[in-house]
Amino acid sequence: MSTMNISLPDTLKSFVDEQVSQRGYGTSSEYVRELIRKDQDRLQLRGLLLAGAASPPAAPADARYFEGLRDRVRNAAQPTAKG
C-alpha cells in the first residue's frame, strides 16, 4: 500500500477526527479511503447513467413489461421437478 500525506486546515482535521470517532473508523485513513471509494462509485454510476441516456430507446416500460418481469420472478422461484 502506498502512502499519501495531505494537509488540512484545522477545521477539516477536526471534522475528520470527529467522523472517525463517531462512525467507528479505526483511523482517519480508513475514513478517507471510504470517501474515495464512494466517489469512485459515484463516478461509475454517473458514467453508466450517461451511457444509458445516450443509448437508443428500448421497449417501453409499461404494465405488460412489468407483468413479464413478475412472471420471470415467479417462474424462477418455483422448484424444478427432478426426474
N, C-alpha and C. Protein backbone atom coordinates (compact mmCIF):
# COMPACT_ATOMS: atom_id res chain seq x y z
N MET A 1 0.85 -1.18 0.00
CA MET A 1 0.00 0.00 0.00
C MET A 1 0.89 1.23 0.00
N SER A 2 0.52 2.20 -0.80
CA SER A 2 1.29 3.45 -0.86
C SER A 2 0.82 4.41 0.21
N THR A 3 1.67 5.36 0.50
CA THR A 3 1.35 6.38 1.49
C THR A 3 1.18 7.72 0.79
N MET A 4 0.22 8.50 1.28
CA MET A 4 -0.02 9.84 0.76
C MET A 4 -0.24 10.75 1.95
N ASN A 5 0.46 11.83 2.00
CA ASN A 5 0.29 12.81 3.07
C ASN A 5 -0.52 13.97 2.53
N ILE A 6 -1.49 14.41 3.31
CA ILE A 6 -2.29 15.56 2.91
C ILE A 6 -2.28 16.58 4.03
N SER A 7 -2.45 17.83 3.65
CA SER A 7 -2.55 18.91 4.63
C SER A 7 -3.98 19.40 4.67
N LEU A 8 -4.49 19.56 5.88
CA LEU A 8 -5.86 20.03 6.07
C LEU A 8 -5.86 21.23 7.00
N PRO A 9 -6.75 22.18 6.76
CA PRO A 9 -6.94 23.23 7.75
C PRO A 9 -7.46 22.60 9.05
N ASP A 10 -7.25 23.27 10.15
CA ASP A 10 -7.65 22.74 11.45
C ASP A 10 -9.12 22.35 11.50
N THR A 11 -9.97 23.14 10.85
CA THR A 11 -11.41 22.83 10.90
C THR A 11 -11.71 21.51 10.21
N LEU A 12 -11.06 21.24 9.06
CA LEU A 12 -11.29 19.97 8.37
C LEU A 12 -10.68 18.81 9.15
N LYS A 13 -9.52 19.01 9.73
CA LYS A 13 -8.91 17.96 10.55
C LYS A 13 -9.81 17.60 11.71
N SER A 14 -10.39 18.61 12.36
CA SER A 14 -11.32 18.35 13.46
C SER A 14 -12.54 17.57 12.98
N PHE A 15 -13.03 17.94 11.81
CA PHE A 15 -14.18 17.25 11.25
C PHE A 15 -13.85 15.78 10.99
N VAL A 16 -12.70 15.52 10.36
CA VAL A 16 -12.29 14.14 10.08
C VAL A 16 -12.14 13.37 11.39
N ASP A 17 -11.48 13.95 12.38
CA ASP A 17 -11.30 13.27 13.67
C ASP A 17 -12.65 12.94 14.30
N GLU A 18 -13.61 13.86 14.19
CA GLU A 18 -14.94 13.64 14.74
C GLU A 18 -15.65 12.49 14.02
N GLN A 19 -15.53 12.45 12.69
CA GLN A 19 -16.15 11.38 11.91
C GLN A 19 -15.54 10.03 12.27
N VAL A 20 -14.22 9.99 12.42
CA VAL A 20 -13.53 8.75 12.79
C VAL A 20 -14.06 8.25 14.13
N SER A 21 -14.19 9.15 15.06
CA SER A 21 -14.65 8.78 16.41
C SER A 21 -16.13 8.36 16.41
N GLN A 22 -16.98 9.15 15.79
CA GLN A 22 -18.42 8.90 15.85
C GLN A 22 -18.87 7.73 14.98
N ARG A 23 -18.17 7.49 13.89
CA ARG A 23 -18.63 6.48 12.94
C ARG A 23 -17.85 5.18 13.03
N GLY A 24 -16.96 5.08 14.00
CA GLY A 24 -16.31 3.81 14.28
C GLY A 24 -15.16 3.43 13.38
N TYR A 25 -14.53 4.39 12.74
CA TYR A 25 -13.35 4.09 11.94
C TYR A 25 -12.16 3.91 12.88
N GLY A 26 -11.22 3.08 12.49
CA GLY A 26 -10.03 2.89 13.29
C GLY A 26 -9.05 4.04 13.14
N THR A 27 -8.99 4.59 11.92
CA THR A 27 -8.04 5.67 11.63
C THR A 27 -8.66 6.65 10.65
N SER A 28 -8.03 7.80 10.54
CA SER A 28 -8.50 8.78 9.55
C SER A 28 -8.27 8.24 8.14
N SER A 29 -7.27 7.39 7.96
CA SER A 29 -7.03 6.80 6.64
C SER A 29 -8.21 5.94 6.20
N GLU A 30 -8.78 5.18 7.13
CA GLU A 30 -9.95 4.36 6.78
C GLU A 30 -11.10 5.25 6.32
N TYR A 31 -11.31 6.35 7.01
CA TYR A 31 -12.37 7.28 6.64
C TYR A 31 -12.13 7.86 5.25
N VAL A 32 -10.92 8.31 4.97
CA VAL A 32 -10.60 8.89 3.67
C VAL A 32 -10.72 7.85 2.57
N ARG A 33 -10.27 6.61 2.83
CA ARG A 33 -10.41 5.55 1.82
C ARG A 33 -11.87 5.31 1.48
N GLU A 34 -12.74 5.31 2.50
CA GLU A 34 -14.17 5.12 2.21
C GLU A 34 -14.71 6.27 1.38
N LEU A 35 -14.32 7.49 1.68
CA LEU A 35 -14.78 8.63 0.88
C LEU A 35 -14.33 8.49 -0.57
N ILE A 36 -13.11 8.04 -0.78
CA ILE A 36 -12.60 7.88 -2.14
C ILE A 36 -13.36 6.77 -2.86
N ARG A 37 -13.61 5.66 -2.17
CA ARG A 37 -14.38 4.56 -2.79
C ARG A 37 -15.78 5.03 -3.18
N LYS A 38 -16.40 5.79 -2.30
CA LYS A 38 -17.75 6.30 -2.61
C LYS A 38 -17.71 7.23 -3.81
N ASP A 39 -16.66 8.03 -3.93
CA ASP A 39 -16.54 8.92 -5.07
C ASP A 39 -16.32 8.11 -6.35
N GLN A 40 -15.53 7.04 -6.27
CA GLN A 40 -15.35 6.16 -7.43
C GLN A 40 -16.69 5.56 -7.84
N ASP A 41 -17.46 5.08 -6.87
CA ASP A 41 -18.78 4.51 -7.17
C ASP A 41 -19.69 5.54 -7.82
N ARG A 42 -19.65 6.77 -7.30
CA ARG A 42 -20.48 7.84 -7.85
C ARG A 42 -20.10 8.13 -9.29
N LEU A 43 -18.80 8.17 -9.57
CA LEU A 43 -18.36 8.43 -10.93
C LEU A 43 -18.72 7.29 -11.87
N GLN A 44 -18.63 6.06 -11.39
CA GLN A 44 -19.01 4.91 -12.21
C GLN A 44 -20.51 4.96 -12.52
N LEU A 45 -21.31 5.25 -11.50
CA LEU A 45 -22.76 5.35 -11.71
C LEU A 45 -23.08 6.48 -12.69
N ARG A 46 -22.40 7.60 -12.56
CA ARG A 46 -22.62 8.71 -13.48
C ARG A 46 -22.32 8.28 -14.92
N GLY A 47 -21.21 7.55 -15.09
CA GLY A 47 -20.86 7.06 -16.43
C GLY A 47 -21.92 6.13 -16.99
N LEU A 48 -22.43 5.24 -16.14
CA LEU A 48 -23.48 4.32 -16.59
C LEU A 48 -24.76 5.07 -16.95
N LEU A 49 -25.11 6.07 -16.16
CA LEU A 49 -26.31 6.86 -16.45
C LEU A 49 -26.15 7.63 -17.76
N LEU A 50 -24.97 8.21 -17.97
CA LEU A 50 -24.74 8.93 -19.22
C LEU A 50 -24.76 7.98 -20.42
N ALA A 51 -24.18 6.79 -20.25
CA ALA A 51 -24.21 5.81 -21.34
C ALA A 51 -25.64 5.38 -21.63
N GLY A 52 -26.43 5.19 -20.58
CA GLY A 52 -27.83 4.82 -20.77
C GLY A 52 -28.62 5.93 -21.45
N ALA A 53 -28.35 7.16 -21.07
CA ALA A 53 -29.06 8.29 -21.68
C ALA A 53 -28.69 8.44 -23.15
N ALA A 54 -27.47 8.07 -23.50
CA ALA A 54 -27.02 8.20 -24.89
C ALA A 54 -27.41 7.00 -25.75
N SER A 55 -27.89 5.93 -25.13
CA SER A 55 -28.23 4.73 -25.90
C SER A 55 -29.60 4.88 -26.54
N PRO A 56 -29.83 4.10 -27.60
CA PRO A 56 -31.14 4.18 -28.25
C PRO A 56 -32.24 3.69 -27.31
N PRO A 57 -33.45 4.18 -27.51
CA PRO A 57 -34.56 3.77 -26.64
C PRO A 57 -34.82 2.27 -26.74
N ALA A 58 -35.21 1.69 -25.64
CA ALA A 58 -35.56 0.27 -25.59
C ALA A 58 -37.09 0.17 -25.61
N ALA A 59 -37.57 -1.02 -25.38
CA ALA A 59 -39.02 -1.22 -25.31
C ALA A 59 -39.59 -0.40 -24.15
N PRO A 60 -40.82 0.07 -24.29
CA PRO A 60 -41.41 0.87 -23.21
C PRO A 60 -41.60 0.04 -21.94
N ALA A 61 -41.41 0.68 -20.79
CA ALA A 61 -41.62 0.02 -19.50
C ALA A 61 -43.06 0.27 -19.08
N ASP A 62 -43.98 -0.47 -19.72
CA ASP A 62 -45.40 -0.32 -19.43
C ASP A 62 -45.87 -1.48 -18.54
N ALA A 63 -47.16 -1.57 -18.33
CA ALA A 63 -47.73 -2.61 -17.45
C ALA A 63 -47.38 -4.01 -17.96
N ARG A 64 -47.39 -4.21 -19.26
CA ARG A 64 -47.07 -5.53 -19.82
C ARG A 64 -45.61 -5.91 -19.54
N TYR A 65 -44.72 -4.94 -19.63
CA TYR A 65 -43.31 -5.17 -19.34
C TYR A 65 -43.13 -5.63 -17.90
N PHE A 66 -43.77 -4.94 -16.96
CA PHE A 66 -43.62 -5.28 -15.55
C PHE A 66 -44.30 -6.61 -15.22
N GLU A 67 -45.39 -6.92 -15.86
CA GLU A 67 -46.02 -8.23 -15.65
C GLU A 67 -45.10 -9.34 -16.14
N GLY A 68 -44.41 -9.11 -17.25
CA GLY A 68 -43.44 -10.09 -17.74
C GLY A 68 -42.31 -10.30 -16.75
N LEU A 69 -41.85 -9.22 -16.11
CA LEU A 69 -40.82 -9.36 -15.07
C LEU A 69 -41.33 -10.18 -13.90
N ARG A 70 -42.57 -9.90 -13.48
CA ARG A 70 -43.16 -10.66 -12.38
C ARG A 70 -43.25 -12.14 -12.72
N ASP A 71 -43.65 -12.45 -13.95
CA ASP A 71 -43.74 -13.84 -14.39
C ASP A 71 -42.37 -14.51 -14.33
N ARG A 72 -41.33 -13.81 -14.77
CA ARG A 72 -39.99 -14.39 -14.73
C ARG A 72 -39.55 -14.66 -13.30
N VAL A 73 -39.88 -13.77 -12.38
CA VAL A 73 -39.51 -13.98 -10.98
C VAL A 73 -40.29 -15.16 -10.40
N ARG A 74 -41.58 -15.22 -10.70
CA ARG A 74 -42.39 -16.34 -10.21
C ARG A 74 -41.85 -17.67 -10.73
N ASN A 75 -41.53 -17.73 -12.02
CA ASN A 75 -41.02 -18.96 -12.61
C ASN A 75 -39.67 -19.34 -12.04
N ALA A 76 -38.83 -18.36 -11.76
CA ALA A 76 -37.51 -18.63 -11.21
C ALA A 76 -37.62 -19.12 -9.77
N ALA A 77 -38.66 -18.71 -9.05
CA ALA A 77 -38.82 -19.09 -7.65
C ALA A 77 -39.44 -20.47 -7.49
N GLN A 78 -40.06 -21.00 -8.53
CA GLN A 78 -40.71 -22.31 -8.44
C GLN A 78 -39.66 -23.42 -8.46
N PRO A 79 -39.84 -24.41 -7.57
CA PRO A 79 -38.87 -25.51 -7.56
C PRO A 79 -39.00 -26.32 -8.86
N THR A 80 -37.86 -26.80 -9.33
CA THR A 80 -37.87 -27.59 -10.56
C THR A 80 -38.07 -29.05 -10.21
N ALA A 81 -38.79 -29.75 -11.08
CA ALA A 81 -39.04 -31.18 -10.86
C ALA A 81 -37.81 -31.98 -11.30
N LYS A 82 -37.41 -32.90 -10.44
CA LYS A 82 -36.26 -33.76 -10.77
C LYS A 82 -36.79 -35.11 -11.20
N GLY A 83 -36.29 -35.58 -12.36
CA GLY A 83 -36.79 -36.74 -13.00
C GLY A 83 -36.35 -37.99 -12.39
